Amino acid sequence: MWRVAALLIKTHEGHYESAAFAAGYRAQELREEGADTGADVWENIETKVRELERVGYKADAPKT
């Protein structure tokens, strides 16, 4: 889920709030459809996006 969170941040051009919103929105959609397991996964990804923001993760940082 960390990798998905990182890719989501990169997809949203480093905008953490936009990435977190997208994950939360998807979780809400799935919850409304009754897909609770999928919603739990996307809520976890949203949490990971916020954690990456907290630690200062940069989506464009070179791999070491």
PDB file of N, CA and C in Angstrom:
ATOM      1  N   MET A   1       0.815  -1.190   0.000  1.00  0.00           N
ATOM      2  CA  MET A   1       0.000   0.000   0.000  1.00  0.00           C
ATOM      3  C   MET A   1       0.862   1.259   0.000  1.00  0.00           C
ATOM      4  N   TRP A   2       2.076   1.128   0.540  1.00  0.00           N
ATOM      5  CA  TRP A   2       2.986   2.273   0.508  1.00  0.00           C
ATOM      6  C   TRP A   2       3.301   2.654  -0.938  1.00  0.00           C
ATOM      7  N   ARG A   3       3.509   1.660  -1.773  1.00  0.00           N
ATOM      8  CA  ARG A   3       3.841   1.917  -3.186  1.00  0.00           C
ATOM      9  C   ARG A   3       2.679   2.594  -3.897  1.00  0.00           C
ATOM     10  N   VAL A   4       1.470   2.143  -3.634  1.00  0.00           N
ATOM     11  CA  VAL A   4       0.290   2.771  -4.243  1.00  0.00           C
ATOM     12  C   VAL A   4       0.175   4.217  -3.764  1.00  0.00           C
ATOM     13  N   ALA A   5       0.410   4.449  -2.483  1.00  0.00           N
ATOM     14  CA  ALA A   5       0.348   5.815  -1.948  1.00  0.00           C
ATOM     15  C   ALA A   5       1.379   6.705  -2.644  1.00  0.00           C
ATOM     16  N   ALA A   6       2.593   6.184  -2.811  1.00  0.00           N
ATOM     17  CA  ALA A   6       3.648   6.950  -3.481  1.00  0.00           C
ATOM     18  C   ALA A   6       3.281   7.239  -4.931  1.00  0.00           C
ATOM     19  N   LEU A   7       2.733   6.238  -5.616  1.00  0.00           N
ATOM     20  CA  LEU A   7       2.316   6.445  -7.009  1.00  0.00           C
ATOM     21  C   LEU A   7       1.169   7.443  -7.111  1.00  0.00           C
ATOM     22  N   LEU A   8       0.278   7.411  -6.151  1.00  0.00           N
ATOM     23  CA  LEU A   8      -0.839   8.355  -6.146  1.00  0.00           C
ATOM     24  C   LEU A   8      -0.329   9.791  -5.973  1.00  0.00           C
ATOM     25  N   ILE A   9       0.646   9.964  -5.094  1.00  0.00           N
ATOM     26  CA  ILE A   9       1.252  11.289  -4.911  1.00  0.00           C
ATOM     27  C   ILE A   9       1.909  11.742  -6.209  1.00  0.00           C
ATOM     28  N   LYS A  10       2.641  10.838  -6.840  1.00  0.00           N
ATOM     29  CA  LYS A  10       3.305  11.183  -8.100  1.00  0.00           C
ATOM     30  C   LYS A  10       2.275  11.529  -9.176  1.00  0.00           C
ATOM     31  N   THR A  11       1.195  10.748  -9.248  1.00  0.00           N
ATOM     32  CA  THR A  11       0.132  11.000 -10.219  1.00  0.00           C
ATOM     33  C   THR A  11      -0.484  12.378 -10.020  1.00  0.00           C
ATOM     34  N   HIS A  12      -0.555  12.802  -8.775  1.00  0.00           N
ATOM     35  CA  HIS A  12      -1.133  14.112  -8.459  1.00  0.00           C
ATOM     36  C   HIS A  12      -0.044  15.187  -8.352  1.00  0.00           C
ATOM     37  N   GLU A  13       1.076  14.920  -9.009  1.00  0.00           N
ATOM     38  CA  GLU A  13       2.187  15.872  -9.145  1.00  0.00           C
ATOM     39  C   GLU A  13       2.678  16.412  -7.810  1.00  0.00           C
ATOM     40  N   GLY A  14       2.737  15.527  -6.814  1.00  0.00           N
ATOM     41  CA  GLY A  14       3.273  15.906  -5.517  1.00  0.00           C
ATOM     42  C   GLY A  14       2.296  16.612  -4.602  1.00  0.00           C
ATOM     43  N   HIS A  15       1.055  16.742  -5.019  1.00  0.00           N
ATOM     44  CA  HIS A  15       0.049  17.410  -4.188  1.00  0.00           C
ATOM     45  C   HIS A  15      -0.581  16.382  -3.252  1.00  0.00           C
ATOM     46  N   TYR A  16      -0.090  16.375  -2.022  1.00  0.00           N
ATOM     47  CA  TYR A  16      -0.530  15.381  -1.044  1.00  0.00           C
ATOM     48  C   TYR A  16      -2.024  15.464  -0.781  1.00  0.00           C
ATOM     49  N   GLU A  17      -2.531  16.664  -0.630  1.00  0.00           N
ATOM     50  CA  GLU A  17      -3.946  16.821  -0.300  1.00  0.00           C
ATOM     51  C   GLU A  17      -4.832  16.272  -1.407  1.00  0.00           C
ATOM     52  N   SER A  18      -4.444  16.520  -2.646  1.00  0.00           N
ATOM     53  CA  SER A  18      -5.191  16.000  -3.780  1.00  0.00           C
ATOM     54  C   SER A  18      -5.128  14.469  -3.824  1.00  0.00           C
ATOM     55  N   ALA A  19      -3.965  13.916  -3.557  1.00  0.00           N
ATOM     56  CA  ALA A  19      -3.799  12.457  -3.544  1.00  0.00           C
ATOM     57  C   ALA A  19      -4.612  11.832  -2.413  1.00  0.00           C
ATOM     58  N   ALA A  20      -4.563  12.437  -1.239  1.00  0.00           N
ATOM     59  CA  ALA A  20      -5.326  11.923  -0.096  1.00  0.00           C
ATOM     60  C   ALA A  20      -6.819  12.021  -0.371  1.00  0.00           C
ATOM     61  N   PHE A  21      -7.242  13.114  -0.982  1.00  0.00           N
ATOM     62  CA  PHE A  21      -8.661  13.279  -1.322  1.00  0.00           C
ATOM     63  C   PHE A  21      -9.103  12.188  -2.297  1.00  0.00           C
ATOM     64  N   ALA A  22      -8.275  11.920  -3.306  1.00  0.00           N
ATOM     65  CA  ALA A  22      -8.616  10.909  -4.310  1.00  0.00           C
ATOM     66  C   ALA A  22      -8.772   9.533  -3.651  1.00  0.00           C
ATOM     67  N   ALA A  23      -7.875   9.195  -2.749  1.00  0.00           N
ATOM     68  CA  ALA A  23      -7.959   7.906  -2.059  1.00  0.00           C
ATOM     69  C   ALA A  23      -9.203   7.852  -1.173  1.00  0.00           C
ATOM     70  N   GLY A  24      -9.461   8.927  -0.458  1.00  0.00           N
ATOM     71  CA  GLY A  24     -10.638   8.980   0.400  1.00  0.00           C
ATOM     72  C   GLY A  24     -11.932   8.919  -0.391  1.00  0.00           C
ATOM     73  N   TYR A  25     -11.935   9.582  -1.525  1.00  0.00           N
ATOM     74  CA  TYR A  25     -13.122   9.575  -2.385  1.00  0.00           C
ATOM     75  C   TYR A  25     -13.402   8.174  -2.909  1.00  0.00           C
ATOM     76  N   ARG A  26     -12.338   7.486  -3.323  1.00  0.00           N
ATOM     77  CA  ARG A  26     -12.503   6.116  -3.813  1.00  0.00           C
ATOM     78  C   ARG A  26     -13.002   5.204  -2.691  1.00  0.00           C
ATOM     79  N   ALA A  27     -12.483   5.399  -1.498  1.00  0.00           N
ATOM     80  CA  ALA A  27     -12.945   4.608  -0.355  1.00  0.00           C
ATOM     81  C   ALA A  27     -14.431   4.837  -0.115  1.00  0.00           C
ATOM     82  N   GLN A  28     -14.852   6.075  -0.202  1.00  0.00           N
ATOM     83  CA  GLN A  28     -16.268   6.401  -0.001  1.00  0.00           C
ATOM     84  C   GLN A  28     -17.138   5.746  -1.079  1.00  0.00           C
ATOM     85  N   GLU A  29     -16.695   5.811  -2.326  1.00  0.00           N
ATOM     86  CA  GLU A  29     -17.443   5.176  -3.415  1.00  0.00           C
ATOM     87  C   GLU A  29     -17.619   3.676  -3.156  1.00  0.00           C
ATOM     88  N   LEU A  30     -16.531   3.037  -2.789  1.00  0.00           N
ATOM     89  CA  LEU A  30     -16.583   1.598  -2.542  1.00  0.00           C
ATOM     90  C   LEU A  30     -17.474   1.266  -1.350  1.00  0.00           C
ATOM     91  N   ARG A  31     -17.404   2.091  -0.307  1.00  0.00           N
ATOM     92  CA  ARG A  31     -18.227   1.867   0.878  1.00  0.00           C
ATOM     93  C   ARG A  31     -19.707   1.954   0.500  1.00  0.00           C
ATOM     94  N   GLU A  32     -20.049   2.947  -0.321  1.00  0.00           N
ATOM     95  CA  GLU A  32     -21.442   3.111  -0.758  1.00  0.00           C
ATOM     96  C   GLU A  32     -21.913   1.937  -1.601  1.00  0.00           C
ATOM     97  N   GLU A  33     -20.994   1.294  -2.314  1.00  0.00           N
ATOM     98  CA  GLU A  33     -21.327   0.133  -3.130  1.00  0.00           C
ATOM     99  C   GLU A  33     -21.370  -1.154  -2.306  1.00  0.00           C
ATOM    100  N   GLY A  34     -21.002  -1.046  -1.032  1.00  0.00           N
ATOM    101  CA  GLY A  34     -20.997  -2.215  -0.170  1.00  0.00           C
ATOM    102  C   GLY A  34     -19.709  -3.012  -0.218  1.00  0.00           C
ATOM    103  N   ALA A  35     -18.698  -2.462  -0.851  1.00  0.00           N
ATOM    104  CA  ALA A  35     -17.402  -3.138  -0.955  1.00  0.00           C
ATOM    105  C   ALA A  35     -16.506  -2.676   0.193  1.00  0.00           C
ATOM    106  N   ASP A  36     -16.834  -3.152   1.381  1.00  0.00           N
ATOM    107  CA  ASP A  36     -16.142  -2.676   2.579  1.00  0.00           C
ATOM    108  C   ASP A  36     -14.655  -3.012   2.604  1.00  0.00           C
ATOM    109  N   THR A  37     -14.283  -4.172   2.101  1.00  0.00           N
ATOM    110  CA  THR A  37     -12.865  -4.545   2.094  1.00  0.00           C
ATOM    111  C   THR A  37     -12.074  -3.602   1.203  1.00  0.00           C
ATOM    112  N   GLY A  38     -12.587  -3.320   0.021  1.00  0.00           N
ATOM    113  CA  GLY A  38     -11.922  -2.373  -0.869  1.00  0.00           C
ATOM    114  C   GLY A  38     -11.859  -0.983  -0.276  1.00  0.00           C
ATOM    115  N   ALA A  39     -12.933  -0.578   0.390  1.00  0.00           N
ATOM    116  CA  ALA A  39     -12.955   0.728   1.047  1.00  0.00           C
ATOM    117  C   ALA A  39     -11.899   0.799   2.142  1.00  0.00           C
ATOM    118  N   ASP A  40     -11.752  -0.289   2.897  1.00  0.00           N
ATOM    119  CA  ASP A  40     -10.722  -0.326   3.948  1.00  0.00           C
ATOM    120  C   ASP A  40      -9.332  -0.158   3.355  1.00  0.00           C
ATOM    121  N   VAL A  41      -9.100  -0.787   2.221  1.00  0.00           N
ATOM    122  CA  VAL A  41      -7.797  -0.679   1.554  1.00  0.00           C
ATOM    123  C   VAL A  41      -7.529   0.772   1.159  1.00  0.00           C
ATOM    124  N   TRP A  42      -8.503   1.431   0.532  1.00  0.00           N
ATOM    125  CA  TRP A  42      -8.310   2.814   0.093  1.00  0.00           C
ATOM    126  C   TRP A  42      -8.205   3.775   1.264  1.00  0.00           C
ATOM    127  N   GLU A  43      -8.875   3.495   2.376  1.00  0.00           N
ATOM    128  CA  GLU A  43      -8.703   4.325   3.576  1.00  0.00           C
ATOM    129  C   GLU A  43      -7.283   4.169   4.111  1.00  0.00           C
ATOM    130  N   ASN A  44      -6.758   2.945   4.043  1.00  0.00           N
ATOM    131  CA  ASN A  44      -5.382   2.704   4.467  1.00  0.00           C
ATOM    132  C   ASN A  44      -4.410   3.453   3.554  1.00  0.00           C
ATOM    133  N   ILE A  45      -4.673   3.465   2.268  1.00  0.00           N
ATOM    134  CA  ILE A  45      -3.820   4.204   1.328  1.00  0.00           C
ATOM    135  C   ILE A  45      -3.873   5.696   1.633  1.00  0.00           C
ATOM    136  N   GLU A  46      -5.046   6.219   1.937  1.00  0.00           N
ATOM    137  CA  GLU A  46      -5.162   7.626   2.308  1.00  0.00           C
ATOM    138  C   GLU A  46      -4.297   7.928   3.531  1.00  0.00           C
ATOM    139  N   THR A  47      -4.330   7.045   4.502  1.00  0.00           N
ATOM    140  CA  THR A  47      -3.498   7.214   5.701  1.00  0.00           C
ATOM    141  C   THR A  47      -2.021   7.206   5.342  1.00  0.00           C
ATOM    142  N   LYS A  48      -1.637   6.315   4.433  1.00  0.00           N
ATOM    143  CA  LYS A  48      -0.236   6.235   4.008  1.00  0.00           C
ATOM    144  C   LYS A  48       0.187   7.510   3.266  1.00  0.00           C
ATOM    145  N   VAL A  49      -0.686   8.075   2.443  1.00  0.00           N
ATOM    146  CA  VAL A  49      -0.380   9.336   1.751  1.00  0.00           C
ATOM    147  C   VAL A  49      -0.096  10.420   2.790  1.00  0.00           C
ATOM    148  N   ARG A  50      -0.926  10.513   3.802  1.00  0.00           N
ATOM    149  CA  ARG A  50      -0.742  11.537   4.845  1.00  0.00           C
ATOM    150  C   ARG A  50       0.534  11.296   5.642  1.00  0.00           C
ATOM    151  N   GLU A  51       0.874  10.029   5.862  1.00  0.00           N
ATOM    152  CA  GLU A  51       2.117   9.705   6.566  1.00  0.00           C
ATOM    153  C   GLU A  51       3.327  10.087   5.717  1.00  0.00           C
ATOM    154  N   LEU A  52       3.271   9.813   4.417  1.00  0.00           N
ATOM    155  CA  LEU A  52       4.374  10.210   3.540  1.00  0.00           C
ATOM    156  C   LEU A  52       4.540  11.727   3.521  1.00  0.00           C
ATOM    157  N   GLU A  53       3.436  12.448   3.562  1.00  0.00           N
ATOM    158  CA  GLU A  53       3.528  13.911   3.638  1.00  0.00           C
ATOM    159  C   GLU A  53       4.195  14.328   4.949  1.00  0.00           C
ATOM    160  N   ARG A  54       3.790  13.688   6.044  1.00  0.00           N
ATOM    161  CA  ARG A  54       4.321  14.038   7.360  1.00  0.00           C
ATOM    162  C   ARG A  54       5.836  13.857   7.428  1.00  0.00           C
ATOM    163  N   VAL A  55       6.352  12.811   6.783  1.00  0.00           N
ATOM    164  CA  VAL A  55       7.791  12.553   6.844  1.00  0.00           C
ATOM    165  C   VAL A  55       8.570  13.282   5.749  1.00  0.00           C
ATOM    166  N   GLY A  56       7.865  14.008   4.887  1.00  0.00           N
ATOM    167  CA  GLY A  56       8.543  14.808   3.871  1.00  0.00           C
ATOM    168  C   GLY A  56       8.921  14.048   2.617  1.00  0.00           C
ATOM    169  N   TYR A  57       8.192  12.978   2.306  1.00  0.00           N
ATOM    170  CA  TYR A  57       8.454  12.207   1.095  1.00  0.00           C
ATOM    171  C   TYR A  57       8.305  13.089  -0.134  1.00  0.00           C
ATOM    172  N   LYS A  58       9.238  12.951  -1.054  1.00  0.00           N
ATOM    173  CA  LYS A  58       9.189  13.679  -2.325  1.00  0.00           C
ATOM    174  C   LYS A  58       9.021  12.670  -3.448  1.00  0.00           C
ATOM    175  N   ALA A  59       7.934  12.784  -4.187  1.00  0.00           N
ATOM    176  CA  ALA A  59       7.602  11.820  -5.242  1.00  0.00           C
ATOM    177  C   ALA A  59       8.665  11.787  -6.337  1.00  0.00           C
ATOM    178  N   ASP A  60       9.378  12.867  -6.525  1.00  0.00           N
ATOM    179  CA  ASP A  60      10.367  12.912  -7.598  1.00  0.00           C
ATOM    180  C   ASP A  60      11.795  12.676  -7.102  1.00  0.00           C
ATOM    181  N   ALA A  61      11.938  12.216  -5.863  1.00  0.00           N
ATOM    182  CA  ALA A  61      13.270  11.972  -5.324  1.00  0.00           C
ATOM    183  C   ALA A  61      13.939  10.826  -6.066  1.00  0.00           C
ATOM    184  N   PRO A  62      15.219  10.945  -6.362  1.00  0.00           N
ATOM    185  CA  PRO A  62      15.905   9.852  -7.060  1.00  0.00           C
ATOM    186  C   PRO A  62      15.975   8.609  -6.177  1.00  0.00           C
ATOM    187  N   LYS A  63      15.891   7.451  -6.809  1.00  0.00           N
ATOM    188  CA  LYS A  63      15.996   6.185  -6.084  1.00  0.00           C
ATOM    189  C   LYS A  63      17.470   5.932  -5.740  1.00  0.00           C
ATOM    190  N   THR A  64      17.718   5.407  -4.541  1.00  0.00           N
ATOM    191  CA  THR A  64      19.090   5.104  -4.133  1.00  0.00           C
ATOM    192  C   THR A  64      19.280   3.627  -3.948  1.00  0.00           C
TER     193      THR A  64
END
